[in-house]
Amino acid sequence: MSQIYILYSAILDKYYVGHTSDDLDERTRKHNTNHKGFTGGKGDWKLVYTEKFKEKSLAYAREREVKKWKSRKMIEKLISK
């Protein structure tokens, strides 16, 4: 089982969209470590949304779809459902 997830950082006031087959608690923990990359070094990322998929390819396609929106309003609308 794969899933997409959306994290939120209050420090950055930004969202991060990703997909994984890993446990979401462990994946969020990794995002909150001090590593290089967009999510690294802040340590306050919170899981705010998930969608599950039977296949990794479907989760990846959905992640790309959400990222193509490039719209905070649409992401917040999705989260609020």
C-alpha atoms as a PDB file:
ATOM      1  CA  MET A   1       0.000   0.000   0.000  1.00  0.00           C
ATOM      2  CA  SER A   2       1.262   3.463  -0.910  1.00  0.00           C
ATOM      3  CA  GLN A   3      -0.006   6.865   0.037  1.00  0.00           C
ATOM      4  CA  ILE A   4       0.409  10.526  -0.575  1.00  0.00           C
ATOM      5  CA  TYR A   5       0.820  12.832   2.369  1.00  0.00           C
ATOM      6  CA  ILE A   6       0.882  16.537   3.041  1.00  0.00           C
ATOM      7  CA  LEU A   7       3.010  18.034   5.790  1.00  0.00           C
ATOM      8  CA  TYR A   8       2.767  21.564   7.171  1.00  0.00           C
ATOM      9  CA  SER A   9       5.495  23.683   8.777  1.00  0.00           C
ATOM     10  CA  ALA A  10       4.370  26.584  10.970  1.00  0.00           C
ATOM     11  CA  ILE A  11       7.926  27.996  10.927  1.00  0.00           C
ATOM     12  CA  LEU A  12       7.920  28.233   7.130  1.00  0.00           C
ATOM     13  CA  ASP A  13       4.123  28.519   6.784  1.00  0.00           C
ATOM     14  CA  LYS A  14       4.408  26.075   3.875  1.00  0.00           C
ATOM     15  CA  TYR A  15       3.105  22.699   2.795  1.00  0.00           C
ATOM     16  CA  TYR A  16       5.099  19.729   1.514  1.00  0.00           C
ATOM     17  CA  VAL A  17       3.519  17.040  -0.679  1.00  0.00           C
ATOM     18  CA  GLY A  18       5.085  13.589  -0.982  1.00  0.00           C
ATOM     19  CA  HIS A  19       4.338   9.902  -1.434  1.00  0.00           C
ATOM     20  CA  THR A  20       5.630   6.818   0.353  1.00  0.00           C
ATOM     21  CA  SER A  21       5.154   3.137   1.012  1.00  0.00           C
ATOM     22  CA  ASP A  22       6.764   3.554   4.452  1.00  0.00           C
ATOM     23  CA  ASP A  23       5.042   4.052   7.781  1.00  0.00           C
ATOM     24  CA  LEU A  24       3.874   7.696   7.910  1.00  0.00           C
ATOM     25  CA  ASP A  25       5.103   8.280  11.462  1.00  0.00           C
ATOM     26  CA  GLU A  26       8.587   7.153  10.442  1.00  0.00           C
ATOM     27  CA  ARG A  27       8.475   9.177   7.223  1.00  0.00           C
ATOM     28  CA  THR A  28       7.427  12.317   9.116  1.00  0.00           C
ATOM     29  CA  ARG A  29      10.212  11.705  11.640  1.00  0.00           C
ATOM     30  CA  LYS A  30      12.728  11.580   8.784  1.00  0.00           C
ATOM     31  CA  HIS A  31      11.443  14.886   7.414  1.00  0.00           C
ATOM     32  CA  ASN A  32      11.977  16.420  10.846  1.00  0.00           C
ATOM     33  CA  THR A  33      15.655  15.429  11.057  1.00  0.00           C
ATOM     34  CA  ASN A  34      18.476  17.841  10.295  1.00  0.00           C
ATOM     35  CA  HIS A  35      19.155  16.873   6.675  1.00  0.00           C
ATOM     36  CA  LYS A  36      19.702  18.770   3.446  1.00  0.00           C
ATOM     37  CA  GLY A  37      16.629  19.496   1.393  1.00  0.00           C
ATOM     38  CA  PHE A  38      13.386  21.421   1.591  1.00  0.00           C
ATOM     39  CA  THR A  39      12.139  19.848   4.829  1.00  0.00           C
ATOM     40  CA  GLY A  40      15.492  19.570   6.601  1.00  0.00           C
ATOM     41  CA  GLY A  41      16.461  21.613   9.611  1.00  0.00           C
ATOM     42  CA  LYS A  42      13.073  22.977  10.689  1.00  0.00           C
ATOM     43  CA  GLY A  43      11.865  20.039  12.768  1.00  0.00           C
ATOM     44  CA  ASP A  44       8.245  21.167  13.024  1.00  0.00           C
ATOM     45  CA  TRP A  45       6.622  19.337  10.096  1.00  0.00           C
ATOM     46  CA  LYS A  46       3.177  17.969  11.014  1.00  0.00           C
ATOM     47  CA  LEU A  47       1.153  15.452   9.026  1.00  0.00           C
ATOM     48  CA  VAL A  48      -2.078  17.155   7.940  1.00  0.00           C
ATOM     49  CA  TYR A  49      -3.441  14.910   5.138  1.00  0.00           C
ATOM     50  CA  THR A  50      -3.132  11.432   3.597  1.00  0.00           C
ATOM     51  CA  GLU A  51      -4.681   9.429   0.747  1.00  0.00           C
ATOM     52  CA  LYS A  52      -4.101   5.678   0.342  1.00  0.00           C
ATOM     53  CA  PHE A  53      -3.568   3.815  -2.943  1.00  0.00           C
ATOM     54  CA  LYS A  54      -3.206   0.149  -3.824  1.00  0.00           C
ATOM     55  CA  GLU A  55      -0.283   0.818  -6.176  1.00  0.00           C
ATOM     56  CA  LYS A  56       2.778   3.022  -5.853  1.00  0.00           C
ATOM     57  CA  SER A  57       2.288   4.313  -9.412  1.00  0.00           C
ATOM     58  CA  LEU A  58      -1.165   5.642  -8.498  1.00  0.00           C
ATOM     59  CA  ALA A  59       0.167   7.395  -5.392  1.00  0.00           C
ATOM     60  CA  TYR A  60       2.964   8.956  -7.437  1.00  0.00           C
ATOM     61  CA  ALA A  61       0.503  10.134 -10.105  1.00  0.00           C
ATOM     62  CA  ARG A  62      -1.691  11.739  -7.431  1.00  0.00           C
ATOM     63  CA  GLU A  63       1.329  13.433  -5.849  1.00  0.00           C
ATOM     64  CA  ARG A  64       2.281  14.916  -9.236  1.00  0.00           C
ATOM     65  CA  GLU A  65      -1.326  16.055  -9.763  1.00  0.00           C
ATOM     66  CA  VAL A  66      -1.422  17.899  -6.426  1.00  0.00           C
ATOM     67  CA  LYS A  67       1.999  19.460  -7.009  1.00  0.00           C
ATOM     68  CA  LYS A  68       0.948  20.705 -10.457  1.00  0.00           C
ATOM     69  CA  TRP A  69      -1.805  22.758  -8.838  1.00  0.00           C
ATOM     70  CA  LYS A  70       0.850  25.112  -7.398  1.00  0.00           C
ATOM     71  CA  SER A  71      -1.984  26.497  -5.330  1.00  0.00           C
ATOM     72  CA  ARG A  72      -2.036  26.853  -1.570  1.00  0.00           C
ATOM     73  CA  LYS A  73      -5.790  27.477  -1.705  1.00  0.00           C
ATOM     74  CA  MET A  74      -6.450  24.174  -3.486  1.00  0.00           C
ATOM     75  CA  ILE A  75      -4.219  22.261  -1.048  1.00  0.00           C
ATOM     76  CA  GLU A  76      -6.022  23.837   1.910  1.00  0.00           C
ATOM     77  CA  LYS A  77      -9.380  22.993   0.314  1.00  0.00           C
ATOM     78  CA  LEU A  78      -8.245  19.355  -0.089  1.00  0.00           C
ATOM     79  CA  ILE A  79      -7.075  19.215   3.532  1.00  0.00           C
ATOM     80  CA  SER A  80     -10.338  20.665   4.845  1.00  0.00           C
ATOM     81  CA  LYS A  81     -12.483  17.910   3.261  1.00  0.00           C
END
